[in-house]
Amino acid sequence: MSRGPSRGAVRHAALALILIGVAWHFWRGSPAGLVLAATVLAAHGVAAALGYWWLRRRLR
């Protein structure tokens, strides 16, 4: 039974959404693209920090 997507798949999905958001901003001139990119980047950063904290706590 799978526990979820691999870390590589999550990273690639986050990178794709960031690039889509930036491209959307440049193509349409819409700030919504930058909001999408910033939101995904922030969520990915928070998830990485929580994962790092959890791993350090677990390895103690």
C-alpha atoms as a PDB file:
ATOM      1  CA  MET A   1       0.000   0.000   0.000  1.00  0.00           C
ATOM      2  CA  SER A   2       1.413   3.371  -1.018  1.00  0.00           C
ATOM      3  CA  ARG A   3       1.868   6.094   1.578  1.00  0.00           C
ATOM      4  CA  GLY A   4       1.582   8.858  -0.999  1.00  0.00           C
ATOM      5  CA  PRO A   5       3.461  10.360  -3.906  1.00  0.00           C
ATOM      6  CA  SER A   6       7.236  10.287  -3.954  1.00  0.00           C
ATOM      7  CA  ARG A   7       9.150  13.397  -2.970  1.00  0.00           C
ATOM      8  CA  GLY A   8      10.401  13.755  -6.523  1.00  0.00           C
ATOM      9  CA  ALA A   9       6.855  13.847  -7.870  1.00  0.00           C
ATOM     10  CA  VAL A  10       5.856  16.505  -5.353  1.00  0.00           C
ATOM     11  CA  ARG A  11       8.911  18.618  -6.178  1.00  0.00           C
ATOM     12  CA  HIS A  12       8.254  18.362  -9.903  1.00  0.00           C
ATOM     13  CA  ALA A  13       4.600  19.301  -9.425  1.00  0.00           C
ATOM     14  CA  ALA A  14       5.552  22.314  -7.290  1.00  0.00           C
ATOM     15  CA  LEU A  15       8.172  23.427  -9.811  1.00  0.00           C
ATOM     16  CA  ALA A  16       5.675  23.057 -12.655  1.00  0.00           C
ATOM     17  CA  LEU A  17       3.075  25.173 -10.824  1.00  0.00           C
ATOM     18  CA  ILE A  18       5.657  27.868 -10.054  1.00  0.00           C
ATOM     19  CA  LEU A  19       6.751  28.010 -13.701  1.00  0.00           C
ATOM     20  CA  ILE A  20       3.122  28.043 -14.886  1.00  0.00           C
ATOM     21  CA  GLY A  21       2.377  30.942 -12.542  1.00  0.00           C
ATOM     22  CA  VAL A  22       5.369  32.978 -13.718  1.00  0.00           C
ATOM     23  CA  ALA A  23       4.607  32.228 -17.378  1.00  0.00           C
ATOM     24  CA  TRP A  24       0.964  33.203 -16.815  1.00  0.00           C
ATOM     25  CA  HIS A  25       2.112  36.497 -15.330  1.00  0.00           C
ATOM     26  CA  PHE A  26       4.402  37.298 -18.267  1.00  0.00           C
ATOM     27  CA  TRP A  27       1.941  36.096 -20.920  1.00  0.00           C
ATOM     28  CA  ARG A  28      -1.200  37.762 -19.571  1.00  0.00           C
ATOM     29  CA  GLY A  29       0.354  40.477 -17.427  1.00  0.00           C
ATOM     30  CA  SER A  30      -1.825  39.236 -14.598  1.00  0.00           C
ATOM     31  CA  PRO A  31      -0.672  39.442 -10.987  1.00  0.00           C
ATOM     32  CA  ALA A  32      -2.650  36.236 -10.376  1.00  0.00           C
ATOM     33  CA  GLY A  33       0.216  34.282 -11.933  1.00  0.00           C
ATOM     34  CA  LEU A  34       2.659  35.695  -9.414  1.00  0.00           C
ATOM     35  CA  VAL A  35       0.198  34.976  -6.613  1.00  0.00           C
ATOM     36  CA  LEU A  36      -0.008  31.346  -7.773  1.00  0.00           C
ATOM     37  CA  ALA A  37       3.790  31.045  -7.965  1.00  0.00           C
ATOM     38  CA  ALA A  38       4.313  32.693  -4.567  1.00  0.00           C
ATOM     39  CA  THR A  39       1.628  30.570  -2.907  1.00  0.00           C
ATOM     40  CA  VAL A  40       3.074  27.315  -4.229  1.00  0.00           C
ATOM     41  CA  LEU A  41       6.605  28.384  -3.298  1.00  0.00           C
ATOM     42  CA  ALA A  42       5.522  29.325   0.235  1.00  0.00           C
ATOM     43  CA  ALA A  43       3.554  26.104   0.722  1.00  0.00           C
ATOM     44  CA  HIS A  44       6.471  24.035  -0.545  1.00  0.00           C
ATOM     45  CA  GLY A  45       8.844  25.891   1.793  1.00  0.00           C
ATOM     46  CA  VAL A  46       6.586  25.325   4.793  1.00  0.00           C
ATOM     47  CA  ALA A  47       6.209  21.645   3.929  1.00  0.00           C
ATOM     48  CA  ALA A  48       9.986  21.285   3.612  1.00  0.00           C
ATOM     49  CA  ALA A  49      10.567  22.996   6.959  1.00  0.00           C
ATOM     50  CA  LEU A  50       7.958  20.834   8.698  1.00  0.00           C
ATOM     51  CA  GLY A  51       9.391  17.698   7.111  1.00  0.00           C
ATOM     52  CA  TYR A  52      12.905  18.644   8.209  1.00  0.00           C
ATOM     53  CA  TRP A  53      11.687  19.366  11.755  1.00  0.00           C
ATOM     54  CA  TRP A  54       9.776  16.062  11.885  1.00  0.00           C
ATOM     55  CA  LEU A  55      12.757  14.084  10.591  1.00  0.00           C
ATOM     56  CA  ARG A  56      15.189  15.626  13.091  1.00  0.00           C
ATOM     57  CA  ARG A  57      12.746  14.950  15.902  1.00  0.00           C
ATOM     58  CA  ARG A  58      12.251  11.365  14.787  1.00  0.00           C
ATOM     59  CA  LEU A  59      15.992  10.648  14.500  1.00  0.00           C
ATOM     60  CA  ARG A  60      16.729  11.850  18.039  1.00  0.00           C
END
